[in-house]
Structure formats: structure tokens, C-alpha cells
Amino acid sequence: MTGSADDPSCRTDDGSVVARAHNLVLRYGEHTALAASSFEIPARAVTAVIGPNGSGKSTVLNALAGLVDPASGSLEVLGVSPHEARGRVSYVLQSVTVPLGTPLTVAETVGMGRYPSLGLWRRRGDKDRARVQTAMERLQITGLARRHLTELSGGQRQRVYVAQGVAQGHEVLLLDEPLTGLDLVSARTIDDIIHSERHRGCSVVLTTHDLDEARAADHVLLMNGRVVASGAPSDVLTLHNLEAAYGLGALHGSATTFVDDPAHAREPDLRPGYPQDRELEDGSGKSPAREGHGEPGDDAAHDVEHSDR
């Protein structure tokens, strides 16, 4: 089945692959963010992109969204160039700075997700309003519809932005560290969206520092300036591969306890209007445990932690 990006249930044209890269190199000016790498991202699945800070995770998402062009090699998304696939891809940023006093309500913000489908002149119709309402219900924010963004907590705002991405017609949902620094309720709500999108026939690609979230995915890209390994979590998240990605001495005693080196340079953020220094809301560097992926108190043994130790 092949559906348009605006269908409630979407199917990609290619039954097995949503993105394919061959010897892909990505650069910001003279800085190489991704050395030559080849990989595939499966369709109708959750793919987690994990690695240290500055390893190229967000850069790969930017490339899939058509915001960074390949310096060399090739990249296809949904069988075409990332630029051609833009109307079928929804991209949710890790964080958005809302200027104090911005008069945008939750309902208006989620409704902006319909703009790519509307174009410049078409007014929103019943189908658009229904998509917005459904997205708000799925993210459990209908009770916040008339609240202004600046009145919300960080977790509530992140749910609003994910709802905006869901309201947009899409076959691929890109999420940049969607669970980082969130309260438990918001993290569980967004995690449920991540893992339910594939049942609707959509593909999800997310970046994360959380090993539990990576293990819960269908497919993993492990990175450190290149794709170190790609495949099923059990094949990728091995002690050998984690040592290769995080460096010898970064692992201590167990394949599930290791330190994410904060000395790595941050990746430049080319998206207009957003700061390059993206800080965690609570400053902890941890994602809370999520139902089905660990219990509260387990995160110290499973999360990739920012530490000065």
C-alpha cells in the first residue's frame, strides 16, 4: 500500500528502506561532521541514532531533513533526494526557544504543523482541524489548548512540539533527542508516540544518549564521527562496538555503564532561529526511566551520562 504523506496511516513507496546512504560525507565548512559512511534505515520501524556528543547524530538528522547537503557520496530518502522528500518528512527539534510574551497558544502551535500541506493560500478545513485535534489527544495536551507556550513547563512544551510534528502529514518522523531532560509523564507520553508510529506505517528516526531507548528501537546507528555499526540493537550495542564509539577506557565494568565524554565539541545547528548551544532543561544529562524500558532508579546503570569524573 502506498499512501500520501497526509494519510492518517502512511506507507512508504519502498517496502523495506526509508533512507539509504553510500559513502556519505557531511561537512560544516571545513569541519567534517560525518566521515564516509554507508548505511540503510528500515521503513516502518524505529531507528535510534546514538553516540557521544559531537559524533554526528544531529547532523545525520539534518541531512535526512534536507538541511545539510552531502559533501560527497549519496543519500536517498523515500527513494528520492532529501530535498524532494521534504514534504513527506516531519522534523521535531530537540529544543525551541520561545521569546517571552509570544502570543501563541498550544492549539495554534500544533495547528502550524498543517502549514506544509496547506501551502500559502489554502485555508484549514475539517480534515486539518481533525488532524490537529487527534495529535493533541495523542500527546495528552487538549486541556492546554488555550494556554500560551510561555506558561508551560519544559515537558509540556516538548509534547506540544511533538504534536505539531505528528499533525504534519508525514511518512518519516525525525526527533532530535525527544526525551532528554523531560519529566516522567512527558517522557512516557512521547515514548508511546515513538513506538506507536510504526504501527501506523510510519518510520521514526530519533537521536538519543539513552542506551535503554536505543535497545527498545528496531534498528540502531552507532556513531562517532562515522557510522561505527548499523543494525539490530543486539548486534550493534556490544561491548566491542561501544568501546569503538566511546573510546577505550570509557567503559567501566559493564557494557551498560559508561561515560559520555562532555569534552566533545557540539555540532553546529544550522536550523534558523535556534541556538547552537542546546542545554538540557534540568542540567542532569539524563533521561528519566520510561515504562517498559526501565524503572525509576535504574537510569544510573543504563543511561549515557554527562560526567566530569
C-alpha atoms as a PDB file:
ATOM      1  CA  MET A   1       0.000   0.000   0.000  1.00  0.00           C
ATOM      2  CA  THR A   2       1.290   3.461  -0.824  1.00  0.00           C
ATOM      3  CA  GLY A   3      -0.285   6.465   0.843  1.00  0.00           C
ATOM      4  CA  SER A   4       0.308  10.164   0.655  1.00  0.00           C
ATOM      5  CA  ALA A   5       2.133  11.944   3.436  1.00  0.00           C
ATOM      6  CA  ASP A   6      -1.203  13.360   4.551  1.00  0.00           C
ATOM      7  CA  ASP A   7      -2.861   9.984   5.152  1.00  0.00           C
ATOM      8  CA  PRO A   8      -3.577   9.080   8.805  1.00  0.00           C
ATOM      9  CA  SER A   9      -1.851   5.771   8.083  1.00  0.00           C
ATOM     10  CA  CYS A  10       1.208   6.075   5.868  1.00  0.00           C
ATOM     11  CA  ARG A  11       3.162   3.570   3.825  1.00  0.00           C
ATOM     12  CA  THR A  12       6.472   4.256   2.162  1.00  0.00           C
ATOM     13  CA  ASP A  13       6.962   3.521  -1.517  1.00  0.00           C
ATOM     14  CA  ASP A  14       9.873   1.191  -0.784  1.00  0.00           C
ATOM     15  CA  GLY A  15       8.685  -1.669   1.408  1.00  0.00           C
ATOM     16  CA  SER A  16      11.971  -2.138   3.248  1.00  0.00           C
ATOM     17  CA  VAL A  17      14.122   1.012   3.262  1.00  0.00           C
ATOM     18  CA  VAL A  18      13.265   4.601   4.137  1.00  0.00           C
ATOM     19  CA  ALA A  19      16.786   6.002   3.698  1.00  0.00           C
ATOM     20  CA  ARG A  20      19.950   4.766   2.028  1.00  0.00           C
ATOM     21  CA  ALA A  21      23.446   6.301   2.248  1.00  0.00           C
ATOM     22  CA  HIS A  22      26.542   5.288   0.294  1.00  0.00           C
ATOM     23  CA  ASN A  23      29.952   6.664   1.273  1.00  0.00           C
ATOM     24  CA  LEU A  24      28.124   9.685   2.678  1.00  0.00           C
ATOM     25  CA  VAL A  25      30.289  12.577   3.887  1.00  0.00           C
ATOM     26  CA  LEU A  26      28.753  15.572   5.690  1.00  0.00           C
ATOM     27  CA  ARG A  27      30.611  18.798   6.425  1.00  0.00           C
ATOM     28  CA  TYR A  28      30.066  22.191   8.020  1.00  0.00           C
ATOM     29  CA  GLY A  29      32.565  24.347   6.143  1.00  0.00           C
ATOM     30  CA  GLU A  30      35.976  22.741   6.656  1.00  0.00           C
ATOM     31  CA  HIS A  31      34.764  20.603   9.562  1.00  0.00           C
ATOM     32  CA  THR A  32      33.844  17.015   8.697  1.00  0.00           C
ATOM     33  CA  ALA A  33      30.874  16.040  10.861  1.00  0.00           C
ATOM     34  CA  LEU A  34      30.438  12.605   9.273  1.00  0.00           C
ATOM     35  CA  ALA A  35      33.253  10.699   7.599  1.00  0.00           C
ATOM     36  CA  ALA A  36      32.429   8.395   4.684  1.00  0.00           C
ATOM     37  CA  SER A  37      29.681   6.056   5.878  1.00  0.00           C
ATOM     38  CA  SER A  38      27.221   3.697   4.241  1.00  0.00           C
ATOM     39  CA  PHE A  39      24.009   2.625   5.954  1.00  0.00           C
ATOM     40  CA  GLU A  40      20.325   1.918   5.480  1.00  0.00           C
ATOM     41  CA  ILE A  41      17.376   2.911   7.659  1.00  0.00           C
ATOM     42  CA  PRO A  42      14.460   0.464   7.556  1.00  0.00           C
ATOM     43  CA  ALA A  43      10.915   1.571   6.800  1.00  0.00           C
ATOM     44  CA  ARG A  44       8.027   1.272   9.267  1.00  0.00           C
ATOM     45  CA  ALA A  45      10.461   0.956  12.166  1.00  0.00           C
ATOM     46  CA  VAL A  46      12.031   2.957  14.990  1.00  0.00           C
ATOM     47  CA  THR A  47      15.693   3.765  14.371  1.00  0.00           C
ATOM     48  CA  ALA A  48      17.816   5.152  17.216  1.00  0.00           C
ATOM     49  CA  VAL A  49      20.959   7.149  16.424  1.00  0.00           C
ATOM     50  CA  ILE A  50      23.298   7.037  19.422  1.00  0.00           C
ATOM     51  CA  GLY A  51      26.839   8.177  20.142  1.00  0.00           C
ATOM     52  CA  PRO A  52      28.906  10.721  22.103  1.00  0.00           C
ATOM     53  CA  ASN A  53      28.362  14.463  21.890  1.00  0.00           C
ATOM     54  CA  GLY A  54      29.742  15.767  18.608  1.00  0.00           C
ATOM     55  CA  SER A  55      29.578  12.343  16.971  1.00  0.00           C
ATOM     56  CA  GLY A  56      27.321  13.497  14.104  1.00  0.00           C
ATOM     57  CA  LYS A  57      23.917  12.380  15.379  1.00  0.00           C
ATOM     58  CA  SER A  58      22.052  15.637  14.774  1.00  0.00           C
ATOM     59  CA  THR A  59      23.976  16.164  11.542  1.00  0.00           C
ATOM     60  CA  VAL A  60      22.554  12.925  10.174  1.00  0.00           C
ATOM     61  CA  LEU A  61      19.032  14.084  11.062  1.00  0.00           C
ATOM     62  CA  ASN A  62      19.716  17.436   9.390  1.00  0.00           C
ATOM     63  CA  ALA A  63      20.828  15.605   6.251  1.00  0.00           C
ATOM     64  CA  LEU A  64      17.741  13.366   6.246  1.00  0.00           C
ATOM     65  CA  ALA A  65      15.614  16.529   6.545  1.00  0.00           C
ATOM     66  CA  GLY A  66      17.394  18.128   3.598  1.00  0.00           C
ATOM     67  CA  LEU A  67      19.050  20.840   5.722  1.00  0.00           C
ATOM     68  CA  VAL A  68      22.629  19.662   5.106  1.00  0.00           C
ATOM     69  CA  ASP A  69      23.737  18.599   1.635  1.00  0.00           C
ATOM     70  CA  PRO A  70      26.193  15.698   1.163  1.00  0.00           C
ATOM     71  CA  ALA A  71      29.766  16.871   0.641  1.00  0.00           C
ATOM     72  CA  SER A  72      30.323  13.616  -1.214  1.00  0.00           C
ATOM     73  CA  GLY A  73      28.683  10.238  -1.560  1.00  0.00           C
ATOM     74  CA  SER A  74      24.925   9.844  -1.852  1.00  0.00           C
ATOM     75  CA  LEU A  75      21.830   9.940   0.343  1.00  0.00           C
ATOM     76  CA  GLU A  76      18.290   8.998  -0.618  1.00  0.00           C
ATOM     77  CA  VAL A  77      15.173   9.436   1.495  1.00  0.00           C
ATOM     78  CA  LEU A  78      11.995   7.651   0.378  1.00  0.00           C
ATOM     79  CA  GLY A  79      13.715   6.842  -2.912  1.00  0.00           C
ATOM     80  CA  VAL A  80      14.492  10.476  -3.837  1.00  0.00           C
ATOM     81  CA  SER A  81      16.837  13.240  -2.682  1.00  0.00           C
ATOM     82  CA  PRO A  82      16.213  14.636   0.825  1.00  0.00           C
ATOM     83  CA  HIS A  83      15.109  17.942  -0.733  1.00  0.00           C
ATOM     84  CA  GLU A  84      12.467  16.176  -2.831  1.00  0.00           C
ATOM     85  CA  ALA A  85      11.265  14.188   0.198  1.00  0.00           C
ATOM     86  CA  ARG A  86      10.783  17.213   2.474  1.00  0.00           C
ATOM     87  CA  GLY A  87       7.011  17.271   2.125  1.00  0.00           C
ATOM     88  CA  ARG A  88       6.861  13.699   3.430  1.00  0.00           C
ATOM     89  CA  VAL A  89       9.215  14.200   6.398  1.00  0.00           C
ATOM     90  CA  SER A  90       8.356  15.853   9.725  1.00  0.00           C
ATOM     91  CA  TYR A  91      11.232  17.129  11.884  1.00  0.00           C
ATOM     92  CA  VAL A  92      10.870  17.887  15.620  1.00  0.00           C
ATOM     93  CA  LEU A  93      13.744  19.836  17.173  1.00  0.00           C
ATOM     94  CA  GLN A  94      15.356  18.970  20.483  1.00  0.00           C
ATOM     95  CA  SER A  95      14.522  22.356  21.956  1.00  0.00           C
ATOM     96  CA  VAL A  96      12.892  25.573  20.843  1.00  0.00           C
ATOM     97  CA  THR A  97      13.415  28.956  22.462  1.00  0.00           C
ATOM     98  CA  VAL A  98      10.121  30.815  22.817  1.00  0.00           C
ATOM     99  CA  PRO A  99      10.573  34.588  23.261  1.00  0.00           C
ATOM    100  CA  LEU A 100       8.887  35.791  26.428  1.00  0.00           C
ATOM    101  CA  GLY A 101       5.443  37.183  25.654  1.00  0.00           C
ATOM    102  CA  THR A 102       4.990  35.317  22.356  1.00  0.00           C
ATOM    103  CA  PRO A 103       1.186  35.225  21.940  1.00  0.00           C
ATOM    104  CA  LEU A 104       0.988  31.671  20.597  1.00  0.00           C
ATOM    105  CA  THR A 105      -1.401  29.207  22.186  1.00  0.00           C
ATOM    106  CA  VAL A 106      -0.907  25.460  22.272  1.00  0.00           C
ATOM    107  CA  ALA A 107      -3.681  24.907  19.703  1.00  0.00           C
ATOM    108  CA  GLU A 108      -2.177  27.500  17.345  1.00  0.00           C
ATOM    109  CA  THR A 109       1.289  25.971  17.653  1.00  0.00           C
ATOM    110  CA  VAL A 110       0.076  22.449  16.885  1.00  0.00           C
ATOM    111  CA  GLY A 111      -2.005  23.836  14.014  1.00  0.00           C
ATOM    112  CA  MET A 112       1.157  25.211  12.420  1.00  0.00           C
ATOM    113  CA  GLY A 113       2.035  21.610  11.633  1.00  0.00           C
ATOM    114  CA  ARG A 114      -0.570  21.783   8.871  1.00  0.00           C
ATOM    115  CA  TYR A 115       1.172  24.656   7.048  1.00  0.00           C
ATOM    116  CA  PRO A 116       3.315  22.441   4.749  1.00  0.00           C
ATOM    117  CA  SER A 117       0.137  20.756   3.464  1.00  0.00           C
ATOM    118  CA  LEU A 118      -1.852  23.982   3.150  1.00  0.00           C
ATOM    119  CA  GLY A 119       0.643  25.991   1.142  1.00  0.00           C
ATOM    120  CA  LEU A 120       0.381  29.774   1.007  1.00  0.00           C
ATOM    121  CA  TRP A 121      -3.293  30.260   0.234  1.00  0.00           C
ATOM    122  CA  ARG A 122      -5.445  27.282   1.244  1.00  0.00           C
ATOM    123  CA  ARG A 123      -7.396  27.683   4.479  1.00  0.00           C
ATOM    124  CA  ARG A 124      -7.603  24.904   7.034  1.00  0.00           C
ATOM    125  CA  GLY A 125     -10.528  22.569   6.505  1.00  0.00           C
ATOM    126  CA  ASP A 126     -12.258  19.915   8.578  1.00  0.00           C
ATOM    127  CA  LYS A 127      -9.553  17.362   7.822  1.00  0.00           C
ATOM    128  CA  ASP A 128      -6.836  19.727   9.032  1.00  0.00           C
ATOM    129  CA  ARG A 129      -8.709  20.504  12.239  1.00  0.00           C
ATOM    130  CA  ALA A 130      -9.261  16.796  12.834  1.00  0.00           C
ATOM    131  CA  ARG A 131      -5.545  16.075  12.389  1.00  0.00           C
ATOM    132  CA  VAL A 132      -4.661  18.785  14.905  1.00  0.00           C
ATOM    133  CA  GLN A 133      -7.230  17.520  17.409  1.00  0.00           C
ATOM    134  CA  THR A 134      -6.023  13.925  17.068  1.00  0.00           C
ATOM    135  CA  ALA A 135      -2.404  14.959  17.549  1.00  0.00           C
ATOM    136  CA  MET A 136      -3.278  16.900  20.695  1.00  0.00           C
ATOM    137  CA  GLU A 137      -5.221  13.949  22.072  1.00  0.00           C
ATOM    138  CA  ARG A 138      -2.356  11.563  21.405  1.00  0.00           C
ATOM    139  CA  LEU A 139       0.074  13.845  23.263  1.00  0.00           C
ATOM    140  CA  GLN A 140      -2.454  14.462  26.072  1.00  0.00           C
ATOM    141  CA  ILE A 141      -2.440  18.255  25.725  1.00  0.00           C
ATOM    142  CA  THR A 142      -6.074  19.006  24.822  1.00  0.00           C
ATOM    143  CA  GLY A 143      -6.560  20.561  28.264  1.00  0.00           C
ATOM    144  CA  LEU A 144      -3.762  23.006  27.481  1.00  0.00           C
ATOM    145  CA  ALA A 145      -5.198  24.156  24.142  1.00  0.00           C
ATOM    146  CA  ARG A 146      -5.740  27.802  25.172  1.00  0.00           C
ATOM    147  CA  ARG A 147      -2.588  28.147  27.252  1.00  0.00           C
ATOM    148  CA  HIS A 148       0.317  30.183  25.906  1.00  0.00           C
ATOM    149  CA  LEU A 149       3.613  28.405  25.277  1.00  0.00           C
ATOM    150  CA  THR A 150       5.431  30.543  27.830  1.00  0.00           C
ATOM    151  CA  GLU A 151       3.028  29.303  30.526  1.00  0.00           C
ATOM    152  CA  LEU A 152       4.044  25.661  30.051  1.00  0.00           C
ATOM    153  CA  SER A 153       6.697  23.509  31.665  1.00  0.00           C
ATOM    154  CA  GLY A 154       9.544  22.195  29.527  1.00  0.00           C
ATOM    155  CA  GLY A 155       7.955  18.754  29.273  1.00  0.00           C
ATOM    156  CA  GLN A 156       4.593  20.191  28.253  1.00  0.00           C
ATOM    157  CA  ARG A 157       6.221  22.333  25.556  1.00  0.00           C
ATOM    158  CA  GLN A 158       8.052  19.317  24.164  1.00  0.00           C
ATOM    159  CA  ARG A 159       4.751  17.436  23.933  1.00  0.00           C
ATOM    160  CA  VAL A 160       3.317  20.419  22.023  1.00  0.00           C
ATOM    161  CA  TYR A 161       6.175  20.345  19.502  1.00  0.00           C
ATOM    162  CA  VAL A 162       5.866  16.582  19.019  1.00  0.00           C
ATOM    163  CA  ALA A 163       2.119  17.051  18.484  1.00  0.00           C
ATOM    164  CA  GLN A 164       2.938  19.665  15.844  1.00  0.00           C
ATOM    165  CA  GLY A 165       5.189  17.146  14.091  1.00  0.00           C
ATOM    166  CA  VAL A 166       2.540  14.433  14.287  1.00  0.00           C
ATOM    167  CA  ALA A 167      -0.132  16.811  12.920  1.00  0.00           C
ATOM    168  CA  GLN A 168       2.007  17.436   9.865  1.00  0.00           C
ATOM    169  CA  GLY A 169       1.415  14.934   7.085  1.00  0.00           C
ATOM    170  CA  HIS A 170       4.430  12.637   7.136  1.00  0.00           C
ATOM    171  CA  GLU A 171       5.825   9.247   6.306  1.00  0.00           C
ATOM    172  CA  VAL A 172       9.011   9.818   8.303  1.00  0.00           C
ATOM    173  CA  LEU A 173       9.152  11.439  11.763  1.00  0.00           C
ATOM    174  CA  LEU A 174      12.576  12.793  12.791  1.00  0.00           C
ATOM    175  CA  LEU A 175      13.085  13.534  16.502  1.00  0.00           C
ATOM    176  CA  ASP A 176      16.230  15.157  17.900  1.00  0.00           C
ATOM    177  CA  GLU A 177      16.726  13.874  21.469  1.00  0.00           C
ATOM    178  CA  PRO A 178      12.986  13.933  22.178  1.00  0.00           C
ATOM    179  CA  LEU A 179      13.222  12.529  25.725  1.00  0.00           C
ATOM    180  CA  THR A 180      16.235  14.384  27.094  1.00  0.00           C
ATOM    181  CA  GLY A 181      15.645  16.177  30.393  1.00  0.00           C
ATOM    182  CA  LEU A 182      11.877  15.606  30.481  1.00  0.00           C
ATOM    183  CA  ASP A 183       9.608  14.827  33.410  1.00  0.00           C
ATOM    184  CA  LEU A 184       8.453  11.217  33.672  1.00  0.00           C
ATOM    185  CA  VAL A 185       4.900  11.831  32.377  1.00  0.00           C
ATOM    186  CA  SER A 186       6.065  13.711  29.283  1.00  0.00           C
ATOM    187  CA  ALA A 187       8.827  11.179  28.582  1.00  0.00           C
ATOM    188  CA  ARG A 188       6.399   8.251  28.746  1.00  0.00           C
ATOM    189  CA  THR A 189       3.824  10.051  26.598  1.00  0.00           C
ATOM    190  CA  ILE A 190       6.348  10.852  23.857  1.00  0.00           C
ATOM    191  CA  ASP A 191       7.914   7.394  24.100  1.00  0.00           C
ATOM    192  CA  ASP A 192       4.478   5.897  23.445  1.00  0.00           C
ATOM    193  CA  ILE A 193       4.139   8.051  20.316  1.00  0.00           C
ATOM    194  CA  ILE A 194       7.568   6.954  19.096  1.00  0.00           C
ATOM    195  CA  HIS A 195       6.726   3.279  19.334  1.00  0.00           C
ATOM    196  CA  SER A 196       3.145   3.565  18.045  1.00  0.00           C
ATOM    197  CA  GLU A 197       4.033   5.440  14.834  1.00  0.00           C
ATOM    198  CA  ARG A 198       5.408   2.282  13.226  1.00  0.00           C
ATOM    199  CA  HIS A 199       2.032   0.570  13.706  1.00  0.00           C
ATOM    200  CA  ARG A 200       0.535   3.349  11.567  1.00  0.00           C
ATOM    201  CA  GLY A 201       3.053   2.520   8.836  1.00  0.00           C
ATOM    202  CA  CYS A 202       5.335   5.474   9.584  1.00  0.00           C
ATOM    203  CA  SER A 203       9.090   5.453  10.148  1.00  0.00           C
ATOM    204  CA  VAL A 204      10.732   7.141  13.146  1.00  0.00           C
ATOM    205  CA  VAL A 205      14.386   8.202  13.400  1.00  0.00           C
ATOM    206  CA  LEU A 206      15.496   9.662  16.727  1.00  0.00           C
ATOM    207  CA  THR A 207      18.761  10.689  18.334  1.00  0.00           C
ATOM    208  CA  THR A 208      19.405   9.668  21.916  1.00  0.00           C
ATOM    209  CA  HIS A 209      22.041   9.319  24.644  1.00  0.00           C
ATOM    210  CA  ASP A 210      19.980   6.624  26.382  1.00  0.00           C
ATOM    211  CA  LEU A 211      21.031   3.001  25.936  1.00  0.00           C
ATOM    212  CA  ASP A 212      17.617   1.758  27.081  1.00  0.00           C
ATOM    213  CA  GLU A 213      15.897   3.806  24.384  1.00  0.00           C
ATOM    214  CA  ALA A 214      18.346   2.501  21.783  1.00  0.00           C
ATOM    215  CA  ARG A 215      17.747  -1.082  22.904  1.00  0.00           C
ATOM    216  CA  ALA A 216      13.982  -0.551  22.596  1.00  0.00           C
ATOM    217  CA  ALA A 217      14.365   0.524  18.951  1.00  0.00           C
ATOM    218  CA  ASP A 218      14.120  -1.777  15.950  1.00  0.00           C
ATOM    219  CA  HIS A 219      17.343  -0.513  14.402  1.00  0.00           C
ATOM    220  CA  VAL A 220      20.397   1.374  15.699  1.00  0.00           C
ATOM    221  CA  LEU A 221      23.061   3.605  14.146  1.00  0.00           C
ATOM    222  CA  LEU A 222      26.068   3.832  16.492  1.00  0.00           C
ATOM    223  CA  MET A 223      28.216   6.844  15.683  1.00  0.00           C
ATOM    224  CA  ASN A 224      31.472   8.601  16.453  1.00  0.00           C
ATOM    225  CA  GLY A 225      32.183  10.900  13.516  1.00  0.00           C
ATOM    226  CA  ARG A 226      31.233   7.979  11.295  1.00  0.00           C
ATOM    227  CA  VAL A 227      28.770   5.107  11.474  1.00  0.00           C
ATOM    228  CA  VAL A 228      30.582   2.600  13.678  1.00  0.00           C
ATOM    229  CA  ALA A 229      27.847  -0.029  13.354  1.00  0.00           C
ATOM    230  CA  SER A 230      24.314  -0.300  11.994  1.00  0.00           C
ATOM    231  CA  GLY A 231      21.725  -2.992  12.555  1.00  0.00           C
ATOM    232  CA  ALA A 232      19.630  -4.646  15.234  1.00  0.00           C
ATOM    233  CA  PRO A 233      20.281  -3.381  18.793  1.00  0.00           C
ATOM    234  CA  SER A 234      21.611  -6.752  19.927  1.00  0.00           C
ATOM    235  CA  ASP A 235      24.174  -6.733  17.102  1.00  0.00           C
ATOM    236  CA  VAL A 236      25.187  -3.066  17.418  1.00  0.00           C
ATOM    237  CA  LEU A 237      25.223  -2.321  21.158  1.00  0.00           C
ATOM    238  CA  THR A 238      28.015  -4.732  22.011  1.00  0.00           C
ATOM    239  CA  LEU A 239      30.957  -4.009  24.314  1.00  0.00           C
ATOM    240  CA  HIS A 240      33.328  -4.021  21.336  1.00  0.00           C
ATOM    241  CA  ASN A 241      31.256  -1.517  19.349  1.00  0.00           C
ATOM    242  CA  LEU A 242      30.620   0.753  22.350  1.00  0.00           C
ATOM    243  CA  GLU A 243      34.352   0.871  23.066  1.00  0.00           C
ATOM    244  CA  ALA A 244      34.958   1.810  19.426  1.00  0.00           C
ATOM    245  CA  ALA A 245      32.364   4.602  19.603  1.00  0.00           C
ATOM    246  CA  TYR A 246      33.139   5.997  23.063  1.00  0.00           C
ATOM    247  CA  GLY A 247      36.854   5.290  23.269  1.00  0.00           C
ATOM    248  CA  LEU A 248      38.944   2.833  25.271  1.00  0.00           C
ATOM    249  CA  GLY A 249      38.595   3.486  28.981  1.00  0.00           C
ATOM    250  CA  ALA A 250      35.112   4.973  28.583  1.00  0.00           C
ATOM    251  CA  LEU A 251      33.525   1.721  29.739  1.00  0.00           C
ATOM    252  CA  HIS A 252      33.766   0.611  33.351  1.00  0.00           C
ATOM    253  CA  GLY A 253      32.983  -2.932  34.329  1.00  0.00           C
ATOM    254  CA  SER A 254      29.869  -3.402  32.219  1.00  0.00           C
ATOM    255  CA  ALA A 255      28.608  -2.821  28.721  1.00  0.00           C
ATOM    256  CA  THR A 256      25.706  -0.875  30.205  1.00  0.00           C
ATOM    257  CA  THR A 257      27.596   1.642  32.336  1.00  0.00           C
ATOM    258  CA  PHE A 258      29.745   4.189  30.567  1.00  0.00           C
ATOM    259  CA  VAL A 259      30.519   7.874  30.423  1.00  0.00           C
ATOM    260  CA  ASP A 260      29.659  10.165  27.529  1.00  0.00           C
ATOM    261  CA  ASP A 261      32.651  12.496  27.174  1.00  0.00           C
ATOM    262  CA  PRO A 262      31.438  16.101  27.561  1.00  0.00           C
ATOM    263  CA  ALA A 263      34.663  17.422  26.029  1.00  0.00           C
ATOM    264  CA  HIS A 264      33.461  16.585  22.514  1.00  0.00           C
ATOM    265  CA  ALA A 265      32.579  19.707  20.554  1.00  0.00           C
ATOM    266  CA  ARG A 266      28.905  20.369  19.944  1.00  0.00           C
ATOM    267  CA  GLU A 267      27.666  20.011  16.404  1.00  0.00           C
ATOM    268  CA  PRO A 268      26.758  23.277  14.659  1.00  0.00           C
ATOM    269  CA  ASP A 269      22.995  23.786  14.434  1.00  0.00           C
ATOM    270  CA  LEU A 270      22.125  25.170  11.020  1.00  0.00           C
ATOM    271  CA  ARG A 271      18.409  25.445  11.647  1.00  0.00           C
ATOM    272  CA  PRO A 272      17.466  29.136  11.510  1.00  0.00           C
ATOM    273  CA  GLY A 273      16.198  30.755  14.675  1.00  0.00           C
ATOM    274  CA  TYR A 274      17.509  28.216  17.136  1.00  0.00           C
ATOM    275  CA  PRO A 275      20.588  28.430  19.410  1.00  0.00           C
ATOM    276  CA  GLN A 276      23.615  26.274  18.696  1.00  0.00           C
ATOM    277  CA  ASP A 277      24.174  25.559  22.386  1.00  0.00           C
ATOM    278  CA  ARG A 278      21.352  23.243  23.301  1.00  0.00           C
ATOM    279  CA  GLU A 279      21.320  22.637  27.049  1.00  0.00           C
ATOM    280  CA  LEU A 280      19.297  20.096  28.952  1.00  0.00           C
ATOM    281  CA  GLU A 281      16.360  21.632  30.756  1.00  0.00           C
ATOM    282  CA  ASP A 282      17.257  20.180  34.126  1.00  0.00           C
ATOM    283  CA  GLY A 283      21.024  20.126  33.596  1.00  0.00           C
ATOM    284  CA  SER A 284      21.300  16.479  34.609  1.00  0.00           C
ATOM    285  CA  GLY A 285      22.136  14.996  31.218  1.00  0.00           C
ATOM    286  CA  LYS A 286      19.791  12.079  31.940  1.00  0.00           C
ATOM    287  CA  SER A 287      16.544  10.874  30.521  1.00  0.00           C
ATOM    288  CA  PRO A 288      14.040   9.571  33.071  1.00  0.00           C
ATOM    289  CA  ALA A 289      13.207   5.888  33.108  1.00  0.00           C
ATOM    290  CA  ARG A 290      10.219   5.017  30.964  1.00  0.00           C
ATOM    291  CA  GLU A 291       7.528   2.415  31.400  1.00  0.00           C
ATOM    292  CA  GLY A 292       8.595  -0.756  29.651  1.00  0.00           C
ATOM    293  CA  HIS A 293      12.215   0.417  29.308  1.00  0.00           C
ATOM    294  CA  GLY A 294      13.334   0.554  32.936  1.00  0.00           C
ATOM    295  CA  GLU A 295      12.139   1.662  36.332  1.00  0.00           C
ATOM    296  CA  PRO A 296      12.934   4.813  38.298  1.00  0.00           C
ATOM    297  CA  GLY A 297      16.340   4.419  39.893  1.00  0.00           C
ATOM    298  CA  ASP A 298      17.684   2.260  37.058  1.00  0.00           C
ATOM    299  CA  ASP A 299      18.860   5.161  34.922  1.00  0.00           C
ATOM    300  CA  ALA A 300      22.261   5.400  36.630  1.00  0.00           C
ATOM    301  CA  ALA A 301      23.080   1.934  35.355  1.00  0.00           C
ATOM    302  CA  HIS A 302      21.712   2.379  31.872  1.00  0.00           C
ATOM    303  CA  ASP A 303      21.864   5.994  30.758  1.00  0.00           C
ATOM    304  CA  VAL A 304      24.753   7.548  28.894  1.00  0.00           C
ATOM    305  CA  GLU A 305      25.744  10.173  31.461  1.00  0.00           C
ATOM    306  CA  HIS A 306      27.450  13.538  31.085  1.00  0.00           C
ATOM    307  CA  SER A 307      30.116  13.457  33.786  1.00  0.00           C
ATOM    308  CA  ASP A 308      33.337  15.201  34.764  1.00  0.00           C
ATOM    309  CA  ARG A 309      34.620  12.129  36.543  1.00  0.00           C
END
